[in-house]
């Protein structure tokens, strides 16, 4: 029975991705808006015909501007854009920052004995410096920045020193999103903000949008598309 169920799931997945690819083809034929999405594992929420996903690993926003990182995120992005940039305008959504909020910012703040806001500012500044480099190198790209998503319920499974509580991490995310909005406006980037749509009155993630302890499911897509439409009006 388990073998049959596994085969059924595989069949459903095959049909889903086949239909998804067909929808993408029709979307391009009809000259409808299309977006490349690049980032950490949160890009997997963008399974929709309007998006092509590029998952580059567990990369942080802070390390994007660095020549060296454990994920080689900068190099991966540059290599990818060199392949898909065809001297034609296209839309690119960057999805980074959740890992910084969940793991690195509070730890760095405690290790360096400096404020959360200062570390968040350094993180966002590093992120923006990288995006400005991308804009300069690939001028026909329209850059969208996806907000840092609400924090999930994952415990400290990696035994990270100074792992903040979910409430503290939520404050970090709110600080990061405020800074992202300000930087986006200054640098002519488009900021996609759907954070408030995904939480309940207590600031926790709404169950219907949850995929696992960290990630969101595809049900967030209507909010993403609505935000993009409002930005481009």
C-alpha atoms as a PDB file:
ATOM      1  CA  UNK A   1       0.000   0.000   0.000  1.00  0.00           C
ATOM      2  CA  UNK A   2       2.863   2.358   0.836  1.00  0.00           C
ATOM      3  CA  UNK A   3       4.439   1.678  -2.566  1.00  0.00           C
ATOM      4  CA  UNK A   4       1.170   2.532  -4.331  1.00  0.00           C
ATOM      5  CA  UNK A   5       0.788   5.728  -2.304  1.00  0.00           C
ATOM      6  CA  UNK A   6       4.352   6.747  -3.113  1.00  0.00           C
ATOM      7  CA  UNK A   7       3.770   6.158  -6.826  1.00  0.00           C
ATOM      8  CA  UNK A   8       0.526   8.145  -6.641  1.00  0.00           C
ATOM      9  CA  UNK A   9       2.344  11.089  -5.039  1.00  0.00           C
ATOM     10  CA  UNK A  10       5.071  10.922  -7.678  1.00  0.00           C
ATOM     11  CA  UNK A  11       2.426  10.868 -10.421  1.00  0.00           C
ATOM     12  CA  UNK A  12       0.640  13.886  -8.924  1.00  0.00           C
ATOM     13  CA  UNK A  13       3.938  15.792  -8.715  1.00  0.00           C
ATOM     14  CA  UNK A  14       4.761  14.953 -12.337  1.00  0.00           C
ATOM     15  CA  UNK A  15       1.339  16.156 -13.517  1.00  0.00           C
ATOM     16  CA  UNK A  16       1.601  19.323 -11.419  1.00  0.00           C
ATOM     17  CA  UNK A  17       4.981  20.348 -12.843  1.00  0.00           C
ATOM     18  CA  UNK A  18       3.935  19.446 -16.386  1.00  0.00           C
ATOM     19  CA  UNK A  19       0.868  21.682 -16.081  1.00  0.00           C
ATOM     20  CA  UNK A  20       2.958  24.398 -14.439  1.00  0.00           C
ATOM     21  CA  UNK A  21       5.429  24.436 -17.325  1.00  0.00           C
ATOM     22  CA  UNK A  22       2.610  24.618 -19.862  1.00  0.00           C
ATOM     23  CA  UNK A  23       1.114  27.589 -18.028  1.00  0.00           C
ATOM     24  CA  UNK A  24       4.504  29.313 -18.074  1.00  0.00           C
ATOM     25  CA  UNK A  25       4.760  28.821 -21.829  1.00  0.00           C
ATOM     26  CA  UNK A  26       1.278  30.257 -22.418  1.00  0.00           C
ATOM     27  CA  UNK A  27       2.052  33.145 -20.093  1.00  0.00           C
ATOM     28  CA  UNK A  28       5.103  34.109 -22.145  1.00  0.00           C
ATOM     29  CA  UNK A  29       3.275  33.661 -25.449  1.00  0.00           C
ATOM     30  CA  UNK A  30       0.599  36.069 -24.194  1.00  0.00           C
ATOM     31  CA  UNK A  31       3.269  38.557 -23.029  1.00  0.00           C
ATOM     32  CA  UNK A  32       2.114  38.430 -19.437  1.00  0.00           C
ATOM     33  CA  UNK A  33       4.446  39.605 -16.691  1.00  0.00           C
ATOM     34  CA  UNK A  34       7.044  37.052 -15.661  1.00  0.00           C
ATOM     35  CA  UNK A  35       9.509  37.036 -12.766  1.00  0.00           C
ATOM     36  CA  UNK A  36      12.714  35.244 -11.883  1.00  0.00           C
ATOM     37  CA  UNK A  37      12.925  34.547  -8.141  1.00  0.00           C
ATOM     38  CA  UNK A  38      16.325  33.997  -6.567  1.00  0.00           C
ATOM     39  CA  UNK A  39      17.175  33.323  -2.953  1.00  0.00           C
ATOM     40  CA  UNK A  40      17.206  30.935  -0.026  1.00  0.00           C
ATOM     41  CA  UNK A  41      14.725  28.095   0.523  1.00  0.00           C
ATOM     42  CA  UNK A  42      11.807  30.524   0.870  1.00  0.00           C
ATOM     43  CA  UNK A  43      11.757  30.809  -2.928  1.00  0.00           C
ATOM     44  CA  UNK A  44      10.049  27.410  -2.943  1.00  0.00           C
ATOM     45  CA  UNK A  45       6.804  29.150  -1.977  1.00  0.00           C
ATOM     46  CA  UNK A  46       6.797  30.717  -5.467  1.00  0.00           C
ATOM     47  CA  UNK A  47       5.593  27.609  -7.348  1.00  0.00           C
ATOM     48  CA  UNK A  48       3.376  29.419  -9.833  1.00  0.00           C
ATOM     49  CA  UNK A  49       3.354  30.080 -13.574  1.00  0.00           C
ATOM     50  CA  UNK A  50       4.354  33.719 -13.033  1.00  0.00           C
ATOM     51  CA  UNK A  51       7.697  32.732 -11.496  1.00  0.00           C
ATOM     52  CA  UNK A  52      10.860  30.811 -12.292  1.00  0.00           C
ATOM     53  CA  UNK A  53      12.628  29.757  -9.108  1.00  0.00           C
ATOM     54  CA  UNK A  54      16.397  29.790  -8.539  1.00  0.00           C
ATOM     55  CA  UNK A  55      17.298  28.327  -5.142  1.00  0.00           C
ATOM     56  CA  UNK A  56      20.938  28.977  -4.323  1.00  0.00           C
ATOM     57  CA  UNK A  57      21.091  27.416  -0.852  1.00  0.00           C
ATOM     58  CA  UNK A  58      21.055  28.608   2.757  1.00  0.00           C
ATOM     59  CA  UNK A  59      22.506  32.011   1.936  1.00  0.00           C
ATOM     60  CA  UNK A  60      22.313  35.041   4.206  1.00  0.00           C
ATOM     61  CA  UNK A  61      21.590  38.583   3.119  1.00  0.00           C
ATOM     62  CA  UNK A  62      24.696  39.764   4.967  1.00  0.00           C
ATOM     63  CA  UNK A  63      27.116  37.568   3.010  1.00  0.00           C
ATOM     64  CA  UNK A  64      25.812  38.437  -0.467  1.00  0.00           C
ATOM     65  CA  UNK A  65      28.313  41.265  -0.827  1.00  0.00           C
ATOM     66  CA  UNK A  66      31.223  39.056   0.264  1.00  0.00           C
ATOM     67  CA  UNK A  67      33.546  37.361  -2.215  1.00  0.00           C
ATOM     68  CA  UNK A  68      33.734  34.368   0.140  1.00  0.00           C
ATOM     69  CA  UNK A  69      30.952  32.585   1.980  1.00  0.00           C
ATOM     70  CA  UNK A  70      30.103  29.015   2.908  1.00  0.00           C
ATOM     71  CA  UNK A  71      27.345  28.920   0.281  1.00  0.00           C
ATOM     72  CA  UNK A  72      29.232  30.845  -2.455  1.00  0.00           C
ATOM     73  CA  UNK A  73      26.016  32.828  -2.837  1.00  0.00           C
ATOM     74  CA  UNK A  74      27.535  35.828  -4.605  1.00  0.00           C
ATOM     75  CA  UNK A  75      29.324  33.667  -7.171  1.00  0.00           C
ATOM     76  CA  UNK A  76      26.213  31.535  -7.780  1.00  0.00           C
ATOM     77  CA  UNK A  77      24.052  34.588  -8.438  1.00  0.00           C
ATOM     78  CA  UNK A  78      26.558  36.225 -10.778  1.00  0.00           C
ATOM     79  CA  UNK A  79      27.016  32.970 -12.709  1.00  0.00           C
ATOM     80  CA  UNK A  80      23.259  32.545 -12.993  1.00  0.00           C
ATOM     81  CA  UNK A  81      22.649  36.086 -14.191  1.00  0.00           C
ATOM     82  CA  UNK A  82      25.429  35.770 -16.755  1.00  0.00           C
ATOM     83  CA  UNK A  83      23.452  32.870 -18.231  1.00  0.00           C
ATOM     84  CA  UNK A  84      19.938  34.320 -18.184  1.00  0.00           C
ATOM     85  CA  UNK A  85      20.679  38.014 -18.860  1.00  0.00           C
ATOM     86  CA  UNK A  86      20.119  38.440 -22.591  1.00  0.00           C
ATOM     87  CA  UNK A  87      20.326  42.236 -22.920  1.00  0.00           C
ATOM     88  CA  UNK A  88      16.556  42.352 -22.541  1.00  0.00           C
ATOM     89  CA  UNK A  89      14.469  43.758 -19.672  1.00  0.00           C
ATOM     90  CA  UNK A  90      13.324  41.231 -17.109  1.00  0.00           C
ATOM     91  CA  UNK A  91      12.069  41.151 -13.523  1.00  0.00           C
ATOM     92  CA  UNK A  92      14.081  39.679 -10.685  1.00  0.00           C
ATOM     93  CA  UNK A  93      12.830  39.115  -7.132  1.00  0.00           C
ATOM     94  CA  UNK A  94      15.404  38.652  -4.367  1.00  0.00           C
ATOM     95  CA  UNK A  95      14.381  36.548  -1.358  1.00  0.00           C
ATOM     96  CA  UNK A  96      16.900  36.782   1.481  1.00  0.00           C
ATOM     97  CA  UNK A  97      17.090  37.770   5.133  1.00  0.00           C
ATOM     98  CA  UNK A  98      15.023  35.195   7.031  1.00  0.00           C
ATOM     99  CA  UNK A  99      18.089  33.148   7.959  1.00  0.00           C
ATOM    100  CA  UNK A 100      19.805  36.318   9.196  1.00  0.00           C
ATOM    101  CA  UNK A 101      16.803  37.075  11.409  1.00  0.00           C
ATOM    102  CA  UNK A 102      16.433  33.527  12.707  1.00  0.00           C
ATOM    103  CA  UNK A 103      20.060  32.676  13.374  1.00  0.00           C
ATOM    104  CA  UNK A 104      22.704  35.335  12.839  1.00  0.00           C
ATOM    105  CA  UNK A 105      21.631  38.799  13.920  1.00  0.00           C
ATOM    106  CA  UNK A 106      20.957  38.144  17.601  1.00  0.00           C
ATOM    107  CA  UNK A 107      24.056  35.915  17.858  1.00  0.00           C
ATOM    108  CA  UNK A 108      26.243  38.608  16.243  1.00  0.00           C
ATOM    109  CA  UNK A 109      24.731  41.274  18.491  1.00  0.00           C
ATOM    110  CA  UNK A 110      25.633  39.298  21.619  1.00  0.00           C
ATOM    111  CA  UNK A 111      29.102  38.288  20.390  1.00  0.00           C
ATOM    112  CA  UNK A 112      30.030  41.839  19.403  1.00  0.00           C
ATOM    113  CA  UNK A 113      28.208  43.405  22.351  1.00  0.00           C
ATOM    114  CA  UNK A 114      26.370  45.783  20.064  1.00  0.00           C
ATOM    115  CA  UNK A 115      22.707  46.554  19.455  1.00  0.00           C
ATOM    116  CA  UNK A 116      20.312  44.467  17.396  1.00  0.00           C
ATOM    117  CA  UNK A 117      19.442  47.507  15.295  1.00  0.00           C
ATOM    118  CA  UNK A 118      23.091  48.129  14.441  1.00  0.00           C
ATOM    119  CA  UNK A 119      23.653  44.537  13.311  1.00  0.00           C
ATOM    120  CA  UNK A 120      20.391  44.628  11.343  1.00  0.00           C
ATOM    121  CA  UNK A 121      21.523  47.866   9.694  1.00  0.00           C
ATOM    122  CA  UNK A 122      24.863  46.294   8.729  1.00  0.00           C
ATOM    123  CA  UNK A 123      23.028  43.272   7.322  1.00  0.00           C
ATOM    124  CA  UNK A 124      20.613  45.314   5.222  1.00  0.00           C
ATOM    125  CA  UNK A 125      23.365  47.677   4.100  1.00  0.00           C
ATOM    126  CA  UNK A 126      25.453  44.725   2.893  1.00  0.00           C
ATOM    127  CA  UNK A 127      22.412  43.308   1.094  1.00  0.00           C
ATOM    128  CA  UNK A 128      21.723  46.645  -0.620  1.00  0.00           C
ATOM    129  CA  UNK A 129      25.344  47.073  -1.669  1.00  0.00           C
ATOM    130  CA  UNK A 130      25.121  43.758  -3.485  1.00  0.00           C
ATOM    131  CA  UNK A 131      21.849  44.699  -5.179  1.00  0.00           C
ATOM    132  CA  UNK A 132      23.299  48.021  -6.315  1.00  0.00           C
ATOM    133  CA  UNK A 133      26.180  46.083  -7.842  1.00  0.00           C
ATOM    134  CA  UNK A 134      23.681  43.846  -9.647  1.00  0.00           C
ATOM    135  CA  UNK A 135      21.788  46.862 -10.953  1.00  0.00           C
ATOM    136  CA  UNK A 136      25.002  48.419 -12.249  1.00  0.00           C
ATOM    137  CA  UNK A 137      26.211  45.194 -13.872  1.00  0.00           C
ATOM    138  CA  UNK A 138      22.807  44.266 -15.358  1.00  0.00           C
ATOM    139  CA  UNK A 139      21.020  47.594 -15.974  1.00  0.00           C
ATOM    140  CA  UNK A 140      17.982  46.125 -17.755  1.00  0.00           C
ATOM    141  CA  UNK A 141      16.903  44.153 -14.687  1.00  0.00           C
ATOM    142  CA  UNK A 142      14.032  45.490 -12.593  1.00  0.00           C
ATOM    143  CA  UNK A 143      14.861  44.535  -9.012  1.00  0.00           C
ATOM    144  CA  UNK A 144      12.169  43.512  -6.547  1.00  0.00           C
ATOM    145  CA  UNK A 145      12.949  42.815  -2.894  1.00  0.00           C
ATOM    146  CA  UNK A 146      10.714  40.390  -1.032  1.00  0.00           C
ATOM    147  CA  UNK A 147      10.065  41.204   2.608  1.00  0.00           C
ATOM    148  CA  UNK A 148      11.598  39.036   5.302  1.00  0.00           C
ATOM    149  CA  UNK A 149       8.859  36.583   6.214  1.00  0.00           C
ATOM    150  CA  UNK A 150       7.328  36.099   9.681  1.00  0.00           C
ATOM    151  CA  UNK A 151       9.277  33.819  11.965  1.00  0.00           C
ATOM    152  CA  UNK A 152       8.165  30.234  12.367  1.00  0.00           C
ATOM    153  CA  UNK A 153       8.202  27.840  15.284  1.00  0.00           C
ATOM    154  CA  UNK A 154      11.526  26.105  14.676  1.00  0.00           C
ATOM    155  CA  UNK A 155      13.492  25.491  17.854  1.00  0.00           C
ATOM    156  CA  UNK A 156      17.277  25.860  18.125  1.00  0.00           C
ATOM    157  CA  UNK A 157      17.970  22.654  16.178  1.00  0.00           C
ATOM    158  CA  UNK A 158      21.462  23.831  15.141  1.00  0.00           C
ATOM    159  CA  UNK A 159      22.452  24.695  18.730  1.00  0.00           C
ATOM    160  CA  UNK A 160      23.201  28.289  17.756  1.00  0.00           C
ATOM    161  CA  UNK A 161      24.575  30.418  20.623  1.00  0.00           C
ATOM    162  CA  UNK A 162      22.202  33.188  21.773  1.00  0.00           C
ATOM    163  CA  UNK A 163      19.262  31.817  19.765  1.00  0.00           C
ATOM    164  CA  UNK A 164      16.513  34.384  20.242  1.00  0.00           C
ATOM    165  CA  UNK A 165      12.924  33.611  21.182  1.00  0.00           C
ATOM    166  CA  UNK A 166      10.304  33.746  18.450  1.00  0.00           C
ATOM    167  CA  UNK A 167       9.038  37.042  19.873  1.00  0.00           C
ATOM    168  CA  UNK A 168      12.536  38.555  19.763  1.00  0.00           C
ATOM    169  CA  UNK A 169      13.112  37.232  16.253  1.00  0.00           C
ATOM    170  CA  UNK A 170       9.828  38.759  15.124  1.00  0.00           C
ATOM    171  CA  UNK A 171      11.045  42.150  16.326  1.00  0.00           C
ATOM    172  CA  UNK A 172      14.251  41.648  14.351  1.00  0.00           C
ATOM    173  CA  UNK A 173      12.215  40.848  11.210  1.00  0.00           C
ATOM    174  CA  UNK A 174      10.072  43.962  11.675  1.00  0.00           C
ATOM    175  CA  UNK A 175      13.236  46.073  12.015  1.00  0.00           C
ATOM    176  CA  UNK A 176      14.718  44.517   8.874  1.00  0.00           C
ATOM    177  CA  UNK A 177      11.553  45.089   6.854  1.00  0.00           C
ATOM    178  CA  UNK A 178      11.383  48.720   7.897  1.00  0.00           C
ATOM    179  CA  UNK A 179      14.974  49.187   6.745  1.00  0.00           C
ATOM    180  CA  UNK A 180      14.348  47.286   3.503  1.00  0.00           C
ATOM    181  CA  UNK A 181      11.442  49.562   2.707  1.00  0.00           C
ATOM    182  CA  UNK A 182      13.566  52.667   3.302  1.00  0.00           C
ATOM    183  CA  UNK A 183      16.540  51.399   1.298  1.00  0.00           C
ATOM    184  CA  UNK A 184      14.301  50.263  -1.553  1.00  0.00           C
ATOM    185  CA  UNK A 185      12.817  53.710  -1.859  1.00  0.00           C
ATOM    186  CA  UNK A 186      16.251  55.357  -1.869  1.00  0.00           C
ATOM    187  CA  UNK A 187      17.664  53.013  -4.513  1.00  0.00           C
ATOM    188  CA  UNK A 188      14.651  52.687  -6.794  1.00  0.00           C
ATOM    189  CA  UNK A 189      14.054  49.037  -5.921  1.00  0.00           C
ATOM    190  CA  UNK A 190      10.523  47.641  -5.645  1.00  0.00           C
ATOM    191  CA  UNK A 191       9.620  46.315  -2.190  1.00  0.00           C
ATOM    192  CA  UNK A 192       7.095  43.474  -1.969  1.00  0.00           C
ATOM    193  CA  UNK A 193       5.471  43.581   1.473  1.00  0.00           C
ATOM    194  CA  UNK A 194       2.959  40.920   2.515  1.00  0.00           C
ATOM    195  CA  UNK A 195       4.125  40.322   6.101  1.00  0.00           C
ATOM    196  CA  UNK A 196       0.931  41.617   7.731  1.00  0.00           C
ATOM    197  CA  UNK A 197      -1.221  39.293   5.614  1.00  0.00           C
ATOM    198  CA  UNK A 198       0.446  36.163   6.981  1.00  0.00           C
ATOM    199  CA  UNK A 199       0.136  36.692  10.734  1.00  0.00           C
ATOM    200  CA  UNK A 200      -2.762  36.614  13.181  1.00  0.00           C
ATOM    201  CA  UNK A 201      -3.686  39.203  15.806  1.00  0.00           C
ATOM    202  CA  UNK A 202      -0.999  37.779  18.119  1.00  0.00           C
ATOM    203  CA  UNK A 203       1.737  38.135  15.514  1.00  0.00           C
ATOM    204  CA  UNK A 204       2.005  34.397  14.889  1.00  0.00           C
ATOM    205  CA  UNK A 205       1.889  32.746  11.473  1.00  0.00           C
ATOM    206  CA  UNK A 206      -1.571  31.837  10.220  1.00  0.00           C
ATOM    207  CA  UNK A 207      -1.938  28.071   9.945  1.00  0.00           C
ATOM    208  CA  UNK A 208      -3.341  28.080   6.412  1.00  0.00           C
ATOM    209  CA  UNK A 209      -0.088  29.540   5.046  1.00  0.00           C
ATOM    210  CA  UNK A 210       2.309  27.220   6.894  1.00  0.00           C
ATOM    211  CA  UNK A 211       4.305  24.542   5.074  1.00  0.00           C
ATOM    212  CA  UNK A 212       6.618  23.560   7.953  1.00  0.00           C
ATOM    213  CA  UNK A 213       8.284  25.043  11.065  1.00  0.00           C
ATOM    214  CA  UNK A 214      10.079  27.654   8.950  1.00  0.00           C
ATOM    215  CA  UNK A 215       8.546  27.888   5.479  1.00  0.00           C
ATOM    216  CA  UNK A 216       5.294  29.076   3.939  1.00  0.00           C
ATOM    217  CA  UNK A 217       3.215  27.320   1.293  1.00  0.00           C
ATOM    218  CA  UNK A 218       2.009  28.407  -2.144  1.00  0.00           C
ATOM    219  CA  UNK A 219      -1.125  30.025  -0.730  1.00  0.00           C
ATOM    220  CA  UNK A 220       0.866  33.231  -0.212  1.00  0.00           C
ATOM    221  CA  UNK A 221       1.157  33.760  -3.996  1.00  0.00           C
ATOM    222  CA  UNK A 222      -2.064  35.804  -4.444  1.00  0.00           C
ATOM    223  CA  UNK A 223      -0.714  38.310  -1.924  1.00  0.00           C
ATOM    224  CA  UNK A 224       2.613  38.474  -3.753  1.00  0.00           C
ATOM    225  CA  UNK A 225       0.943  39.126  -7.101  1.00  0.00           C
ATOM    226  CA  UNK A 226      -1.414  41.686  -5.572  1.00  0.00           C
ATOM    227  CA  UNK A 227       1.522  43.545  -4.006  1.00  0.00           C
ATOM    228  CA  UNK A 228       3.398  43.558  -7.328  1.00  0.00           C
ATOM    229  CA  UNK A 229       0.342  44.877  -9.139  1.00  0.00           C
ATOM    230  CA  UNK A 230      -0.054  47.701  -6.623  1.00  0.00           C
ATOM    231  CA  UNK A 231       3.633  48.595  -6.886  1.00  0.00           C
ATOM    232  CA  UNK A 232       3.419  48.830 -10.684  1.00  0.00           C
ATOM    233  CA  UNK A 233       0.213  50.863 -10.930  1.00  0.00           C
END
